[in-house]
Protein backbone atom coordinates (compact mmCIF):
# COMPACT_ATOMS: atom_id res chain seq x y z
CA UNK A 1 40.72 8.57 -18.19
CA UNK A 2 39.05 10.62 -15.46
CA UNK A 3 37.16 12.62 -18.09
CA UNK A 4 35.92 9.44 -19.77
CA UNK A 5 34.91 8.00 -16.39
CA UNK A 6 33.05 11.21 -15.48
CA UNK A 7 31.27 11.21 -18.82
CA UNK A 8 30.25 7.59 -18.32
CA UNK A 9 28.83 8.38 -14.90
CA UNK A 10 26.93 11.34 -16.32
CA UNK A 11 25.55 9.18 -19.15
CA UNK A 12 24.49 6.51 -16.66
CA UNK A 13 22.70 9.07 -14.54
CA UNK A 14 20.91 10.46 -17.57
CA UNK A 15 19.83 6.98 -18.66
CA UNK A 16 18.56 6.21 -15.15
CA UNK A 17 16.59 9.44 -15.12
CA UNK A 18 15.14 8.63 -18.55
CA UNK A 19 14.08 5.15 -17.42
CA UNK A 20 12.45 6.71 -14.36
CA UNK A 21 10.51 9.10 -16.55
CA UNK A 22 9.38 6.30 -18.83
CA UNK A 23 8.20 4.13 -15.95
CA UNK A 24 6.62 6.99 -14.01
CA UNK A 25 2.87 6.70 -14.53
CA UNK A 26 1.23 8.05 -16.44
CA UNK A 27 2.94 9.36 -19.54
CA UNK A 28 1.51 12.72 -20.52
CA UNK A 29 -0.36 11.44 -23.57
CA UNK A 30 -1.90 8.55 -21.67
CA UNK A 31 -2.94 10.76 -18.77
CA UNK A 32 -4.55 13.21 -21.14
CA UNK A 33 -6.47 10.47 -22.93
CA UNK A 34 -7.90 9.19 -19.67
CA UNK A 35 -8.65 12.57 -18.09
CA UNK A 36 -10.27 13.84 -21.30
CA UNK A 37 -12.45 10.76 -21.34
CA UNK A 38 -13.39 11.29 -17.68
CA UNK A 39 -14.42 14.85 -18.44
CA UNK A 40 -16.62 13.67 -21.31
CA UNK A 41 -18.59 11.11 -19.28
CA UNK A 42 -18.77 12.91 -15.93
CA UNK A 43 -22.10 14.77 -16.37
CA UNK A 44 -24.05 11.61 -17.17
CA UNK A 45 -22.45 9.66 -14.32
CA UNK A 46 -23.05 12.45 -11.82
CA UNK A 47 -26.73 12.44 -12.70
CA UNK A 48 -26.84 8.69 -12.01
CA UNK A 49 -25.10 9.13 -8.64
CA UNK A 50 -27.51 11.91 -7.67
CA UNK A 51 -30.52 9.77 -8.56
CA UNK A 52 -29.16 6.85 -6.51
CA UNK A 53 -28.65 9.23 -3.57
CA UNK A 54 -32.32 10.27 -3.80
CA UNK A 55 -33.56 6.67 -4.13
CA UNK A 56 -31.81 5.62 -0.86
CA UNK A 57 -32.63 1.93 -1.41
CA UNK A 58 -31.40 -0.40 1.30
CA UNK A 59 -29.48 -3.66 0.87
CA UNK A 60 -31.18 -6.31 -1.23
CA UNK A 61 -33.86 -3.85 -2.35
CA UNK A 62 -31.77 -1.65 -4.65
CA UNK A 63 -33.94 -2.49 -7.68
CA UNK A 64 -34.18 0.99 -9.19
CA UNK A 65 -30.54 1.84 -8.47
CA UNK A 66 -29.38 -1.42 -10.05
CA UNK A 67 -31.63 -0.93 -13.08
CA UNK A 68 -30.34 2.60 -13.56
CA UNK A 69 -26.72 1.46 -13.52
CA UNK A 70 -27.41 -1.49 -15.83
CA UNK A 71 -29.23 0.70 -18.35
CA UNK A 72 -26.41 3.24 -18.30
CA UNK A 73 -23.74 0.61 -18.83
CA UNK A 74 -25.70 -1.05 -21.63
CA UNK A 75 -25.98 2.34 -23.32
CA UNK A 76 -22.20 2.63 -23.17
CA UNK A 77 -21.79 -0.63 -25.06
CA UNK A 78 -21.29 -3.10 -22.19
CA UNK A 79 -22.84 -6.54 -22.32
CA UNK A 80 -24.85 -6.57 -19.09
CA UNK A 81 -26.15 -9.59 -17.19
CA UNK A 82 -28.47 -9.28 -14.18
CA UNK A 83 -30.22 -11.75 -11.86
CA UNK A 84 -26.93 -13.47 -11.06
CA UNK A 85 -27.02 -17.04 -9.82
CA UNK A 86 -25.64 -17.49 -6.28
CA UNK A 87 -25.83 -20.17 -3.54
CA UNK A 88 -29.42 -20.46 -2.32
CA UNK A 89 -28.35 -20.78 1.31
CA UNK A 90 -26.79 -17.33 1.08
CA UNK A 91 -29.46 -15.52 -0.94
CA UNK A 92 -33.03 -16.89 -0.84
CA UNK A 93 -34.02 -18.31 -4.19
CA UNK A 94 -30.41 -18.57 -5.37
CA UNK A 95 -30.61 -15.34 -7.41
CA UNK A 96 -29.07 -11.98 -6.52
CA UNK A 97 -31.68 -9.81 -8.18
CA UNK A 98 -29.95 -6.47 -7.68
CA UNK A 99 -26.45 -7.64 -8.63
CA UNK A 100 -25.09 -7.49 -12.16
CA UNK A 101 -22.01 -8.09 -14.27
CA UNK A 102 -21.14 -5.93 -17.28
CA UNK A 103 -18.33 -6.72 -19.73
CA UNK A 104 -16.53 -5.01 -22.57
CA UNK A 105 -13.72 -6.56 -24.60
CA UNK A 106 -10.76 -4.65 -25.99
CA UNK A 107 -9.08 -5.13 -29.33
CA UNK A 108 -6.97 -8.13 -28.33
CA UNK A 109 -6.45 -10.62 -25.49
CA UNK A 110 -5.01 -9.06 -22.36
CA UNK A 111 -5.61 -8.46 -18.65
CA UNK A 112 -9.07 -8.48 -17.08
CA UNK A 113 -9.69 -5.50 -14.83
CA UNK A 114 -12.84 -5.44 -12.68
CA UNK A 115 -14.38 -2.32 -11.14
CA UNK A 116 -16.91 -2.80 -8.34
CA UNK A 117 -19.94 -0.60 -7.73
CA UNK A 118 -21.90 -0.43 -4.47
CA UNK A 119 -25.29 1.30 -4.22
CA UNK A 120 -27.08 0.20 -1.03
CA UNK A 121 -28.15 2.78 1.53
CA UNK A 122 -28.76 2.68 5.28
CA UNK A 123 -31.90 3.60 7.22
CA UNK A 124 -30.76 7.24 7.31
CA UNK A 125 -29.96 7.31 3.60
CA UNK A 126 -26.57 7.18 1.90
CA UNK A 127 -24.65 7.87 5.09
CA UNK A 128 -21.86 5.53 3.94
CA UNK A 129 -21.72 7.24 0.56
CA UNK A 130 -22.38 4.23 -1.64
CA UNK A 131 -24.03 6.52 -4.17
CA UNK A 132 -20.53 7.91 -4.72
CA UNK A 133 -18.98 4.43 -4.93
CA UNK A 134 -21.43 3.71 -7.73
CA UNK A 135 -20.90 7.12 -9.29
CA UNK A 136 -17.10 7.10 -9.19
CA UNK A 137 -16.91 3.52 -10.43
CA UNK A 138 -19.30 4.39 -13.23
CA UNK A 139 -17.15 7.37 -14.24
CA UNK A 140 -14.05 5.15 -14.41
CA UNK A 141 -15.87 2.44 -16.37
CA UNK A 142 -17.48 4.90 -18.78
CA UNK A 143 -14.18 6.68 -19.39
CA UNK A 144 -12.40 3.40 -20.07
CA UNK A 145 -15.23 2.24 -22.37
CA UNK A 146 -14.33 5.09 -24.75
CA UNK A 147 -10.74 3.83 -24.83
CA UNK A 148 -11.26 0.05 -24.92
CA UNK A 149 -11.34 -0.17 -28.75
CA UNK A 150 -7.64 0.71 -28.63
CA UNK A 151 -6.70 -1.44 -25.64
CA UNK A 152 -6.02 -5.15 -25.12
CA UNK A 153 -7.91 -7.01 -22.41
CA UNK A 154 -11.36 -7.00 -20.88
CA UNK A 155 -13.15 -4.53 -18.61
CA UNK A 156 -15.66 -5.95 -16.13
CA UNK A 157 -18.03 -3.91 -13.97
CA UNK A 158 -19.48 -5.76 -10.98
CA UNK A 159 -22.63 -4.44 -9.37
CA UNK A 160 -22.32 -5.65 -5.78
CA UNK A 161 -25.41 -5.08 -3.59
CA UNK A 162 -26.03 -5.29 0.13
CA UNK A 163 -22.51 -4.51 1.36
CA UNK A 164 -23.79 -3.35 4.73
CA UNK A 165 -24.95 -6.90 5.52
CA UNK A 166 -22.10 -8.68 3.78
CA UNK A 167 -21.16 -10.62 6.89
CA UNK A 168 -24.48 -12.47 6.60
CA UNK A 169 -23.29 -14.05 3.36
CA UNK A 170 -24.98 -11.98 0.67
CA UNK A 171 -23.31 -9.21 -1.30
CA UNK A 172 -19.83 -9.95 -2.57
CA UNK A 173 -19.56 -13.23 -0.66
CA UNK A 174 -22.46 -14.73 -2.61
CA UNK A 175 -21.12 -13.35 -5.90
CA UNK A 176 -17.69 -14.84 -5.21
CA UNK A 177 -19.16 -18.24 -4.46
CA UNK A 178 -21.31 -17.92 -7.58
CA UNK A 179 -18.14 -17.55 -9.66
CA UNK A 180 -18.93 -14.07 -10.94
CA UNK A 181 -15.44 -12.72 -10.24
CA UNK A 182 -13.79 -15.58 -12.13
CA UNK A 183 -11.09 -14.44 -14.51
CA UNK A 184 -10.36 -11.11 -12.82
CA UNK A 185 -6.67 -10.20 -12.69
CA UNK A 186 -7.11 -6.93 -10.80
CA UNK A 187 -10.13 -5.56 -8.88
CA UNK A 188 -10.64 -1.86 -8.11
CA UNK A 189 -13.16 0.02 -5.96
CA UNK A 190 -13.52 3.36 -4.16
CA UNK A 191 -15.06 4.43 -0.86
CA UNK A 192 -15.79 7.90 0.57
CA UNK A 193 -14.40 8.82 3.97
CA UNK A 194 -12.96 11.69 5.98
CA UNK A 195 -9.52 11.28 4.39
CA UNK A 196 -7.62 10.19 1.30
CA UNK A 197 -6.04 6.82 1.95
CA UNK A 198 -4.64 3.70 0.33
CA UNK A 199 -4.55 1.81 3.63
CA UNK A 200 -5.97 -1.57 2.61
CA UNK A 201 -6.40 -3.08 6.05
CA UNK A 202 -9.85 -4.40 6.99
CA UNK A 203 -10.84 -6.49 9.99
CA UNK A 204 -11.61 -10.15 9.43
CA UNK A 205 -14.92 -10.94 11.11
CA UNK A 206 -17.06 -13.89 12.18
CA UNK A 207 -20.34 -13.97 14.07
CA UNK A 208 -21.48 -16.39 16.77
CA UNK A 209 -24.95 -16.98 18.18
CA UNK A 210 -25.02 -18.97 21.43
CA UNK A 211 -28.36 -20.37 22.56
CA UNK A 212 -28.58 -21.86 26.06
CA UNK A 213 -31.33 -24.21 27.20
CA UNK A 214 -32.05 -24.52 30.91
CA UNK A 215 -35.05 -25.57 32.98
CA UNK A 216 -37.85 -23.31 34.12
CA UNK A 217 -39.06 -23.24 37.70
CA UNK A 218 -40.59 -20.74 40.12
CA UNK A 219 -37.82 -18.34 41.08
CA UNK A 220 -39.15 -17.97 44.68
CA UNK A 221 -40.89 -21.24 45.52
CA UNK A 222 -38.48 -23.72 43.88
CA UNK A 223 -35.36 -22.07 42.46
CA UNK A 224 -33.34 -25.21 43.20
CA UNK A 225 -35.39 -27.10 40.60
CA UNK A 226 -34.43 -24.74 37.80
CA UNK A 227 -31.43 -24.38 35.49
CA UNK A 228 -30.85 -20.73 34.68
CA UNK A 229 -30.04 -20.25 30.99
CA UNK A 230 -29.50 -16.52 31.55
CA UNK A 231 -26.74 -17.32 34.04
CA UNK A 232 -25.02 -19.27 31.26
CA UNK A 233 -25.12 -16.15 29.08
CA UNK A 234 -23.79 -14.04 31.93
CA UNK A 235 -20.96 -16.47 32.56
CA UNK A 236 -20.10 -16.44 28.85
CA UNK A 237 -19.80 -12.66 28.94
CA UNK A 238 -17.70 -12.82 32.10
CA UNK A 239 -15.31 -15.31 30.49
CA UNK A 240 -15.14 -13.17 27.35
CA UNK A 241 -14.35 -10.07 29.41
CA UNK A 242 -11.53 -11.91 31.16
CA UNK A 243 -10.27 -13.22 27.82
CA UNK A 244 -9.81 -9.76 26.31
CA UNK A 245 -6.65 -8.92 28.25
CA UNK A 246 -4.96 -11.98 26.74
CA UNK A 247 -5.81 -11.21 23.10
CA UNK A 248 -3.76 -9.14 20.63
CA UNK A 249 -4.60 -5.45 20.63
CA UNK A 250 -6.25 -5.49 17.20
CA UNK A 251 -8.85 -8.09 18.25
CA UNK A 252 -12.40 -6.79 18.68
CA UNK A 253 -14.77 -9.00 20.67
CA UNK A 254 -18.27 -7.64 21.27
CA UNK A 255 -21.68 -9.08 22.00
CA UNK A 256 -25.28 -8.47 23.02
CA UNK A 257 -27.96 -10.45 24.87
CA UNK A 258 -30.77 -11.17 22.43
CA UNK A 259 -32.93 -13.28 24.80
CA UNK A 260 -32.81 -13.31 28.58
CA UNK A 261 -36.07 -14.68 29.93
CA UNK A 262 -39.71 -13.59 29.99
CA UNK A 263 -40.81 -13.13 33.60
CA UNK A 264 -38.85 -12.12 36.65
CA UNK A 265 -40.38 -14.83 38.85
CA UNK A 266 -39.53 -17.67 36.45
CA UNK A 267 -36.04 -19.10 36.12
CA UNK A 268 -35.15 -18.48 32.42
CA UNK A 269 -35.17 -21.72 30.47
CA UNK A 270 -33.96 -20.08 27.26
CA UNK A 271 -31.33 -17.37 26.79
CA UNK A 272 -29.28 -16.27 23.82
CA UNK A 273 -26.33 -14.03 23.03
CA UNK A 274 -24.81 -12.88 19.76
CA UNK A 275 -21.13 -12.02 19.37
CA UNK A 276 -18.80 -10.81 16.67
CA UNK A 277 -15.04 -11.37 16.64
CA UNK A 278 -12.72 -9.25 14.49
CA UNK A 279 -8.98 -8.94 13.92
CA UNK A 280 -6.63 -7.49 11.34
CA UNK A 281 -5.59 -10.90 10.09
CA UNK A 282 -7.80 -13.90 9.56
CA UNK A 283 -5.69 -16.38 11.53
CA UNK A 284 -5.77 -14.19 14.65
CA UNK A 285 -9.53 -13.77 14.30
CA UNK A 286 -10.02 -17.54 13.96
CA UNK A 287 -7.94 -18.17 17.10
CA UNK A 288 -9.91 -15.61 19.14
CA UNK A 289 -13.16 -17.05 17.81
CA UNK A 290 -12.26 -20.55 19.00
CA UNK A 291 -11.48 -19.18 22.45
CA UNK A 292 -14.82 -17.35 22.55
CA UNK A 293 -16.61 -20.61 21.78
CA UNK A 294 -14.79 -22.12 24.75
CA UNK A 295 -16.22 -19.29 26.87
CA UNK A 296 -19.73 -20.33 25.83
CA UNK A 297 -18.96 -23.97 26.64
CA UNK A 298 -17.74 -22.84 30.06
CA UNK A 299 -21.01 -20.94 30.56
CA UNK A 300 -22.96 -24.10 29.87
CA UNK A 301 -20.72 -26.29 32.02
CA UNK A 302 -20.76 -23.88 34.95
CA UNK A 303 -24.55 -23.62 35.08
CA UNK A 304 -25.75 -27.00 33.90
CA UNK A 305 -27.43 -25.50 30.84
CA UNK A 306 -27.00 -27.03 27.41
CA UNK A 307 -25.41 -25.05 24.60
CA UNK A 308 -26.82 -24.89 21.08
CA UNK A 309 -24.26 -23.52 18.65
CA UNK A 310 -23.46 -24.00 14.99
CA UNK A 311 -20.58 -21.98 13.56
CA UNK A 312 -21.71 -19.98 10.53
CA UNK A 313 -20.12 -21.03 7.26
CA UNK A 314 -19.57 -17.41 6.24
CA UNK A 315 -16.81 -15.26 7.66
CA UNK A 316 -15.22 -12.07 6.43
CA UNK A 317 -11.51 -12.36 5.82
CA UNK A 318 -8.85 -9.68 5.79
CA UNK A 319 -7.64 -8.66 2.32
CA UNK A 320 -4.18 -9.37 0.98
CA UNK A 321 -2.07 -6.21 0.74
CA UNK A 322 -0.52 -6.09 -2.76
CA UNK A 323 2.27 -3.52 -2.80
CA UNK A 324 2.72 -3.15 -6.60
CA UNK A 325 -1.01 -2.54 -7.09
CA UNK A 326 -1.10 0.01 -4.28
CA UNK A 327 1.88 1.80 -5.82
CA UNK A 328 0.21 1.89 -9.25
CA UNK A 329 -2.92 3.34 -7.67
CA UNK A 330 -0.85 5.91 -5.77
CA UNK A 331 0.56 7.08 -9.10
CA UNK A 332 -2.97 7.36 -10.41
CA UNK A 333 -4.03 9.45 -7.42
CA UNK A 334 -1.08 11.80 -7.82
CA UNK A 335 -1.86 12.20 -11.51
CA UNK A 336 -5.50 12.92 -10.59
CA UNK A 337 -4.42 15.85 -8.44
CA UNK A 338 -4.23 14.33 -4.95
CA UNK A 339 -1.07 15.44 -3.15
CA UNK A 340 1.09 12.75 -1.57
CA UNK A 341 0.85 14.49 1.81
CA UNK A 342 -2.93 14.09 1.78
CA UNK A 343 -2.73 10.29 1.96
CA UNK A 344 -3.30 9.11 5.52
CA UNK A 345 -3.36 5.70 7.18
CA UNK A 346 -6.14 4.49 9.44
CA UNK A 347 -5.95 3.90 13.17
CA UNK A 348 -9.57 2.75 13.41
CA UNK A 349 -10.78 -0.16 11.32
CA UNK A 350 -13.96 -1.69 9.96
CA UNK A 351 -15.03 -4.96 8.37
CA UNK A 352 -16.46 -5.41 4.89
CA UNK A 353 -17.27 -8.14 2.40
CA UNK A 354 -14.60 -6.39 0.32
CA UNK A 355 -12.14 -8.33 2.48
CA UNK A 356 -13.33 -11.57 0.89
CA UNK A 357 -12.70 -10.19 -2.59
CA UNK A 358 -9.28 -8.89 -1.55
CA UNK A 359 -8.44 -12.31 -0.14
CA UNK A 360 -9.28 -13.99 -3.45
CA UNK A 361 -8.03 -11.46 -6.04
CA UNK A 362 -5.52 -8.60 -6.14
CA UNK A 363 -7.71 -5.71 -4.99
CA UNK A 364 -7.25 -2.08 -4.08
CA UNK A 365 -9.72 0.30 -2.44
CA UNK A 366 -9.32 4.06 -2.92
CA UNK A 367 -10.59 5.95 0.11
CA UNK A 368 -11.48 9.51 -0.88
CA UNK A 369 -12.13 12.52 1.31
CA UNK A 370 -15.62 14.03 1.19
CA UNK A 371 -15.94 15.30 4.77
CA UNK A 372 -13.81 16.95 7.49
CA UNK A 373 -11.50 14.74 9.52
CA UNK A 374 -13.33 12.95 12.31
CA UNK A 375 -16.65 12.69 10.46
CA UNK A 376 -17.98 9.20 11.19
CA UNK A 377 -19.17 6.80 8.54
CA UNK A 378 -22.94 6.14 8.76
CA UNK A 379 -23.54 9.55 10.33
CA UNK A 380 -25.97 12.18 9.08
CA UNK A 381 -23.00 14.47 8.43
CA UNK A 382 -21.42 11.88 6.14
CA UNK A 383 -24.75 11.50 4.33
CA UNK A 384 -24.91 15.21 3.67
CA UNK A 385 -21.32 15.16 2.38
CA UNK A 386 -22.19 12.27 0.07
CA UNK A 387 -24.82 14.45 -1.58
CA UNK A 388 -22.73 17.60 -1.79
CA UNK A 389 -20.91 19.16 -4.77
CA UNK A 390 -17.64 18.83 -2.84
CA UNK A 391 -18.31 15.13 -2.32
CA UNK A 392 -18.78 14.65 -6.04
CA UNK A 393 -15.57 16.48 -6.90
CA UNK A 394 -13.64 14.12 -4.62
CA UNK A 395 -15.43 11.14 -6.19
CA UNK A 396 -14.39 12.43 -9.62
CA UNK A 397 -10.73 12.49 -8.54
CA UNK A 398 -11.01 8.96 -7.16
CA UNK A 399 -12.65 7.84 -10.42
CA UNK A 400 -9.81 9.38 -12.41
CA UNK A 401 -7.27 7.51 -10.28
CA UNK A 402 -9.12 4.22 -10.84
CA UNK A 403 -9.32 4.82 -14.58
CA UNK A 404 -5.62 5.71 -14.75
CA UNK A 405 -4.69 2.61 -12.73
CA UNK A 406 -6.81 0.36 -14.95
CA UNK A 407 -5.29 1.97 -18.05
CA UNK A 408 -1.83 1.24 -16.72
CA UNK A 409 -2.79 -2.41 -16.20
CA UNK A 410 -4.16 -2.69 -19.73
CA UNK A 411 -1.11 -1.08 -21.33
CA UNK A 412 1.53 -2.75 -19.14
CA UNK A 413 0.66 -6.46 -18.87
CA UNK A 414 4.04 -7.10 -17.24
CA UNK A 415 2.81 -5.01 -14.29
CA UNK A 416 -0.28 -7.20 -14.03
CA UNK A 417 1.97 -10.24 -13.80
CA UNK A 418 4.03 -8.53 -11.09
CA UNK A 419 0.82 -7.74 -9.19
CA UNK A 420 -0.39 -11.34 -9.46
CA UNK A 421 2.96 -12.72 -8.31
CA UNK A 422 3.06 -10.33 -5.36
CA UNK A 423 -0.50 -11.30 -4.43
CA UNK A 424 0.28 -15.03 -4.56
CA UNK A 425 3.39 -14.59 -2.42
CA UNK A 426 1.67 -12.37 0.16
CA UNK A 427 -1.38 -14.59 0.39
CA UNK A 428 0.72 -17.72 0.74
CA UNK A 429 2.67 -16.14 3.58
CA UNK A 430 -0.52 -15.04 5.35
CA UNK A 431 -2.48 -18.28 4.97
CA UNK A 432 0.17 -20.95 4.63
CA UNK A 433 -1.06 -21.67 1.13
CA UNK A 434 -4.69 -22.30 2.10
CA UNK A 435 -7.20 -21.79 -0.77
CA UNK A 436 -9.27 -18.63 -0.89
CA UNK A 437 -12.56 -19.01 1.01
C-alpha cells in the first residue's frame, strides 16, 4: 500500500512538472521561430530606427518618419492607412496626418494584437528614445508578419504621433476617440529607460488654466480703486501650497504664472496661472483637481477678482494593471535573454497618453535599459544612448519579448480571454464600472 501510494505521489509530481513545462512560455520550437524571424528582419528595422533618429521630427510634424514606417510596413505586406480621422477639436482639421494604422490578417479568426509605435522627438532630438520605440515595435511587427500566414488572428500596428504633448488631446487620445483602436484585444509597446521594468504605473494628469480679471488703477495715486488680479493668482498658489500637506503622497500639484501684469505702477487687471495635477490613480487625481479649483475660487473671492475657468475635456488617466498580461510579457523577456533580477520597479513616475490606452484596453509597456541607472529621460545623455549600438541591442531584446508575447496570445486564445477578464475586473474595481474615457 505504501509503495503504491509513493508511486502515485511520484506520478503526480511528474505530471505537475510536465504541465508546468507545457505552460511555461515559450516552447522551444515557438521561441526559435520567433527569434529566427527577429534576426531576419532586424537589419532593415535598425536602418529605419537610425533614420528616424537623424530626422528628429517633433510632435505633429513627423511626416518623414511616419512615411518611412508606412512604406516599410506596406513592403512587408501590411494594409496601411494614413491620414486618420480624429475629433477636430483635438487635432485641427480633424485629421492626424502623421498617424497610421497597419493591419495583417492571419489564416483564421482569432485575437487582435496591436503594437504601438512612437516616433516624435524633442527640441534636443530623440532624448526620450522614441526612435527606438518605433524601431523595436517595427522589429516585432516585421517578425510576426513572417509568421502570420500560420497563425489565427489579426496583427495591427498603430503609428501614434505627438506623445510628448498627449495631455493636450492629440496623439493616442485623438486616435482612441477616433475609434482607431477598436477591436484590439491586447496592446503592446516598448519604451527606453535606465532600467528593465514591467512596472505599468503612470500618473493620471489633468491641466487647469485659471484666468483672473481685476480692475486697473494707478498703483500709487489710487490703489484703492483697483482690483489686483495678480493677488488672486498669488492667493491661489498659497491655498495650493497649504493643500499639499493634506493630499496623498503620490499626488503631484505644480503650477506656473503665465501672466502677472504689464507695468509695476499699474494694478494688474489680468493675471493667469497654469497648473497640472497628477496622481497614481484617476479618482485621486480627480479629487485633488476639484480641490485645486476651489483654491482658485478662493483666490477670486479673497481679492474681489473674477475667475475665468473652463475644465479641459481631456485628461490622462492611469492605466489598468493586468497581471496575466504582465506575466506573459515577463516570460517573453526572460526568453529574450533578460534576467529576472534585472527587472526593477519605479519610484519616480511620469504621465503619458499611454495611460488612456491602458485604461481602455489591456496594455503592457516594456521598459528597456539603454543607459546607466539614474540617466534622466529627455536628457542629452539619454539621447546619445538612444542612438548608440548598445541602445539598439536593448531595443532588439525588447522587440523579441513583444513578438514572443504576441505569439503567445495568437497561439493561446484562452490566455487572451483570461487577460480580458482580468482587465474588466481590475478596471471595474478601480472605476466603479465607469466607461473608458
